């Protein structure tokens, strides 16, 4: 199925964070590398995932989302900063997912949250650019952000202490974790301008990282612009569990 076809199908516009791995991406020990990601639209059959590293059509992808659990499948189409996954499930598991989507959609509609009062914020657009001291720029995925720092996922693993900017906010790497790394800003950012500060400068070119930045084999850089596409009136969300999962 293509992205355009999926946007016309019944699905839920659901934003939930998780992690994923691709069959073609491994670390220095030969294990699958994990990256952060976020669902943007999902049905019991397919899901659209915003991600920092895109796999080709036909590649196996393993995902895990806290509220949805483990969802594996195959990439059927690739868009700007996202890929479409054909979810592999048994009939019983698909029925459970359909029920969970109904519940999550209601929960999402009922939740009224003022993100300005939260310590950490999940940005509306998770894609931005890392800018290193030597001028190297690399696309990345913002997991969450606060006035003091940001957690990101990218196709590189900078050393602790590495100086860089996430968009326009300058800082240094303070911690590495499974799906990415944390950056502490040099100064506290104004909470109401967090999303503007992590937007990339318009004149920042996208080039490959230097060997001094990436300790492992240098990976190809994936350009990740803003994710486009909103459901039309012909693609309604769930209204009760009316999915046909046969």
Protein backbone atom coordinates (compact mmCIF):
# COMPACT_ATOMS: atom_id res chain seq x y z
CA UNK A 1 0.00 0.00 0.00
CA UNK A 2 1.17 3.53 -0.76
CA UNK A 3 1.09 6.52 1.57
CA UNK A 4 -1.61 8.22 -0.50
CA UNK A 5 -3.80 5.11 -0.33
CA UNK A 6 -3.26 4.81 3.42
CA UNK A 7 -4.31 8.43 4.01
CA UNK A 8 -7.67 7.60 2.43
CA UNK A 9 -8.25 4.55 4.64
CA UNK A 10 -9.88 4.52 8.06
CA UNK A 11 -7.23 5.11 10.70
CA UNK A 12 -6.55 7.00 13.93
CA UNK A 13 -4.39 10.13 14.06
CA UNK A 14 -2.40 9.02 17.09
CA UNK A 15 0.88 10.51 18.35
CA UNK A 16 2.72 8.10 20.61
CA UNK A 17 6.47 7.75 21.05
CA UNK A 18 8.44 4.54 20.74
CA UNK A 19 11.55 2.97 19.26
CA UNK A 20 12.39 0.88 16.21
CA UNK A 21 15.16 -1.03 14.50
CA UNK A 22 15.85 -1.86 10.87
CA UNK A 23 17.31 -5.06 9.48
CA UNK A 24 20.05 -3.08 7.69
CA UNK A 25 21.29 -1.01 10.67
CA UNK A 26 23.72 -2.52 13.18
CA UNK A 27 26.13 -1.18 15.80
CA UNK A 28 29.85 -2.03 16.15
CA UNK A 29 28.92 -5.28 17.96
CA UNK A 30 26.66 -6.40 15.14
CA UNK A 31 23.43 -5.80 17.07
CA UNK A 32 20.48 -3.96 15.60
CA UNK A 33 20.66 -0.22 16.31
CA UNK A 34 17.56 1.29 17.84
CA UNK A 35 16.21 4.75 17.04
CA UNK A 36 13.39 6.81 18.53
CA UNK A 37 10.21 7.27 16.52
CA UNK A 38 6.58 8.37 16.77
CA UNK A 39 3.35 7.12 15.25
CA UNK A 40 1.32 9.76 13.45
CA UNK A 41 -1.50 7.66 11.99
CA UNK A 42 -2.37 4.01 12.62
CA UNK A 43 -4.95 1.32 11.89
CA UNK A 44 -4.98 -2.37 12.86
CA UNK A 45 -3.31 -3.06 9.50
CA UNK A 46 -0.81 -0.27 8.81
CA UNK A 47 0.92 2.58 10.63
CA UNK A 48 2.73 5.73 9.56
CA UNK A 49 5.90 6.28 11.60
CA UNK A 50 7.91 9.52 11.81
CA UNK A 51 11.57 8.54 12.17
CA UNK A 52 15.16 9.84 11.85
CA UNK A 53 16.44 6.97 9.68
CA UNK A 54 14.35 5.53 6.85
CA UNK A 55 14.58 2.03 5.48
CA UNK A 56 13.80 1.04 1.87
CA UNK A 57 10.53 -0.49 0.74
CA UNK A 58 10.40 -4.17 1.66
CA UNK A 59 12.69 -3.89 4.69
CA UNK A 60 11.74 -5.59 7.94
CA UNK A 61 11.16 -3.18 10.83
CA UNK A 62 10.70 -3.98 14.53
CA UNK A 63 8.92 -1.38 16.67
CA UNK A 64 7.84 -0.96 20.26
CA UNK A 65 5.42 1.64 21.64
CA UNK A 66 4.62 1.84 25.34
CA UNK A 67 0.86 2.05 24.83
CA UNK A 68 0.70 -0.28 21.83
CA UNK A 69 3.40 -2.81 22.62
CA UNK A 70 5.46 -4.61 20.00
CA UNK A 71 4.38 -4.06 16.40
CA UNK A 72 6.50 -5.57 13.64
CA UNK A 73 6.10 -5.57 9.91
CA UNK A 74 7.44 -4.51 6.52
CA UNK A 75 7.98 -1.07 5.03
CA UNK A 76 5.62 -0.60 2.09
CA UNK A 77 6.24 3.07 1.28
CA UNK A 78 8.54 5.92 2.30
CA UNK A 79 7.69 9.63 2.60
CA UNK A 80 9.37 12.76 3.90
CA UNK A 81 10.78 11.80 7.30
CA UNK A 82 8.43 8.83 7.69
CA UNK A 83 7.72 5.31 6.48
CA UNK A 84 4.56 3.23 6.18
CA UNK A 85 4.56 -0.20 7.84
CA UNK A 86 2.33 -3.13 6.96
CA UNK A 87 1.76 -4.59 10.46
CA UNK A 88 2.17 -8.36 10.85
CA UNK A 89 -0.33 -9.74 13.39
CA UNK A 90 -2.52 -12.76 13.99
CA UNK A 91 -6.29 -12.24 13.77
CA UNK A 92 -6.61 -12.29 17.56
CA UNK A 93 -3.79 -9.79 18.06
CA UNK A 94 -5.27 -7.53 15.37
CA UNK A 95 -8.61 -7.52 17.20
CA UNK A 96 -6.85 -6.54 20.43
CA UNK A 97 -5.05 -3.72 18.62
CA UNK A 98 -8.34 -2.48 17.14
CA UNK A 99 -9.89 -2.34 20.63
CA UNK A 100 -6.84 -0.55 22.01
CA UNK A 101 -6.96 2.05 19.23
CA UNK A 102 -10.57 2.85 20.08
CA UNK A 103 -9.59 3.37 23.72
CA UNK A 104 -6.49 5.43 22.88
CA UNK A 105 -8.44 7.69 20.53
CA UNK A 106 -10.96 8.44 23.28
CA UNK A 107 -8.15 8.97 25.79
CA UNK A 108 -6.40 11.36 23.43
CA UNK A 109 -9.55 13.41 22.84
CA UNK A 110 -10.33 13.58 26.56
CA UNK A 111 -6.82 14.70 27.54
CA UNK A 112 -6.55 18.47 27.90
CA UNK A 113 -2.91 19.34 28.54
CA UNK A 114 -1.17 22.73 28.52
CA UNK A 115 2.30 21.80 27.26
CA UNK A 116 3.67 25.17 28.37
CA UNK A 117 3.42 23.97 31.97
CA UNK A 118 5.15 20.66 31.32
CA UNK A 119 8.83 20.31 32.11
CA UNK A 120 9.44 18.28 28.96
CA UNK A 121 7.63 18.86 25.68
CA UNK A 122 7.13 16.58 22.67
CA UNK A 123 7.46 18.89 19.63
CA UNK A 124 4.77 19.06 16.98
CA UNK A 125 7.40 18.51 14.26
CA UNK A 126 10.13 16.15 15.54
CA UNK A 127 12.52 16.61 12.60
CA UNK A 128 15.37 19.11 12.80
CA UNK A 129 19.14 19.46 12.24
CA UNK A 130 22.27 18.91 14.34
CA UNK A 131 25.08 21.38 13.61
CA UNK A 132 28.60 20.45 14.77
CA UNK A 133 31.59 22.71 15.49
CA UNK A 134 33.22 21.91 12.13
CA UNK A 135 30.11 22.96 10.22
CA UNK A 136 28.82 19.43 9.66
CA UNK A 137 25.01 19.21 9.71
CA UNK A 138 22.98 16.01 10.14
CA UNK A 139 19.23 15.46 10.32
CA UNK A 140 17.83 14.17 13.60
CA UNK A 141 14.61 13.29 15.41
CA UNK A 142 13.70 15.16 18.62
CA UNK A 143 12.29 12.81 21.26
CA UNK A 144 11.46 15.57 23.74
CA UNK A 145 12.73 18.95 24.83
CA UNK A 146 12.88 21.09 27.97
CA UNK A 147 14.26 24.58 28.72
CA UNK A 148 17.57 22.98 29.79
CA UNK A 149 18.11 20.36 27.09
CA UNK A 150 16.86 17.96 24.48
CA UNK A 151 16.85 14.22 23.77
CA UNK A 152 17.45 13.29 20.13
CA UNK A 153 17.84 10.24 17.90
CA UNK A 154 20.09 10.27 14.83
CA UNK A 155 22.16 8.00 12.62
CA UNK A 156 25.35 8.77 14.55
CA UNK A 157 26.71 8.40 18.09
CA UNK A 158 28.69 11.50 19.20
CA UNK A 159 31.01 11.25 22.19
CA UNK A 160 30.08 12.68 25.58
CA UNK A 161 31.11 16.33 25.64
CA UNK A 162 30.74 16.88 21.90
CA UNK A 163 29.77 20.50 21.15
CA UNK A 164 26.84 20.98 18.79
CA UNK A 165 23.64 22.90 18.16
CA UNK A 166 20.18 21.40 17.87
CA UNK A 167 18.64 23.85 15.45
CA UNK A 168 19.59 27.22 16.95
CA UNK A 169 20.08 25.99 20.55
CA UNK A 170 23.76 25.39 21.38
CA UNK A 171 24.99 22.86 23.95
CA UNK A 172 26.97 19.64 24.43
CA UNK A 173 26.28 15.91 24.66
CA UNK A 174 25.86 14.81 28.29
CA UNK A 175 24.45 11.30 27.99
CA UNK A 176 23.96 8.45 25.52
CA UNK A 177 21.18 5.88 25.66
CA UNK A 178 19.83 3.09 23.50
CA UNK A 179 17.92 5.15 20.93
CA UNK A 180 19.98 8.33 20.96
CA UNK A 181 21.64 10.92 23.19
CA UNK A 182 20.88 13.91 25.42
CA UNK A 183 22.14 17.46 24.86
CA UNK A 184 22.35 20.07 27.63
CA UNK A 185 21.92 23.64 26.43
CA UNK A 186 24.50 26.29 27.35
CA UNK A 187 21.70 28.40 28.77
CA UNK A 188 18.07 27.89 29.71
CA UNK A 189 15.69 28.43 26.83
CA UNK A 190 12.43 30.35 27.09
CA UNK A 191 9.68 27.67 27.46
CA UNK A 192 7.32 29.43 25.06
CA UNK A 193 9.99 29.44 22.30
CA UNK A 194 11.33 25.89 22.63
CA UNK A 195 10.00 24.65 19.30
CA UNK A 196 11.25 27.74 17.46
CA UNK A 197 14.74 27.35 18.97
CA UNK A 198 15.18 23.78 17.71
CA UNK A 199 14.16 24.67 14.15
CA UNK A 200 17.19 24.47 11.81
CA UNK A 201 18.67 27.65 10.30
CA UNK A 202 17.48 27.95 6.71
CA UNK A 203 21.02 28.29 5.35
CA UNK A 204 22.37 25.13 7.06
CA UNK A 205 23.58 22.65 4.37
CA UNK A 206 23.20 18.92 4.96
CA UNK A 207 26.54 17.08 4.62
CA UNK A 208 27.98 13.83 5.91
CA UNK A 209 29.55 13.77 9.39
CA UNK A 210 33.32 13.69 9.70
CA UNK A 211 35.08 10.56 11.08
CA UNK A 212 35.91 12.45 14.27
CA UNK A 213 32.22 12.72 15.09
CA UNK A 214 31.13 9.17 14.39
CA UNK A 215 33.26 6.43 16.00
CA UNK A 216 31.71 3.60 13.98
CA UNK A 217 31.40 3.17 10.22
CA UNK A 218 30.08 6.39 8.74
CA UNK A 219 26.42 5.89 7.74
CA UNK A 220 24.59 7.63 4.93
CA UNK A 221 22.73 10.75 5.98
CA UNK A 222 18.97 10.81 5.51
CA UNK A 223 17.34 14.14 4.81
CA UNK A 224 14.29 14.51 7.05
CA UNK A 225 12.14 17.52 6.26
CA UNK A 226 8.76 18.26 7.79
CA UNK A 227 6.22 15.49 7.64
CA UNK A 228 3.31 16.46 5.44
CA UNK A 229 -0.10 14.98 4.89
CA UNK A 230 -3.28 15.28 6.93
CA UNK A 231 -6.33 13.05 6.65
CA UNK A 232 -9.13 14.27 4.45
CA UNK A 233 -12.81 14.13 5.22
CA UNK A 234 -12.87 10.82 3.33
CA UNK A 235 -10.56 9.27 5.91
CA UNK A 236 -12.47 9.33 9.22
CA UNK A 237 -11.08 8.08 12.50
CA UNK A 238 -12.52 5.25 14.51
CA UNK A 239 -16.12 5.56 15.64
CA UNK A 240 -16.34 2.53 17.86
CA UNK A 241 -14.66 -0.76 17.10
CA UNK A 242 -16.05 -1.36 13.62
CA UNK A 243 -12.84 -2.71 12.07
CA UNK A 244 -13.06 -5.77 9.86
CA UNK A 245 -9.92 -7.68 10.84
CA UNK A 246 -10.46 -10.87 8.91
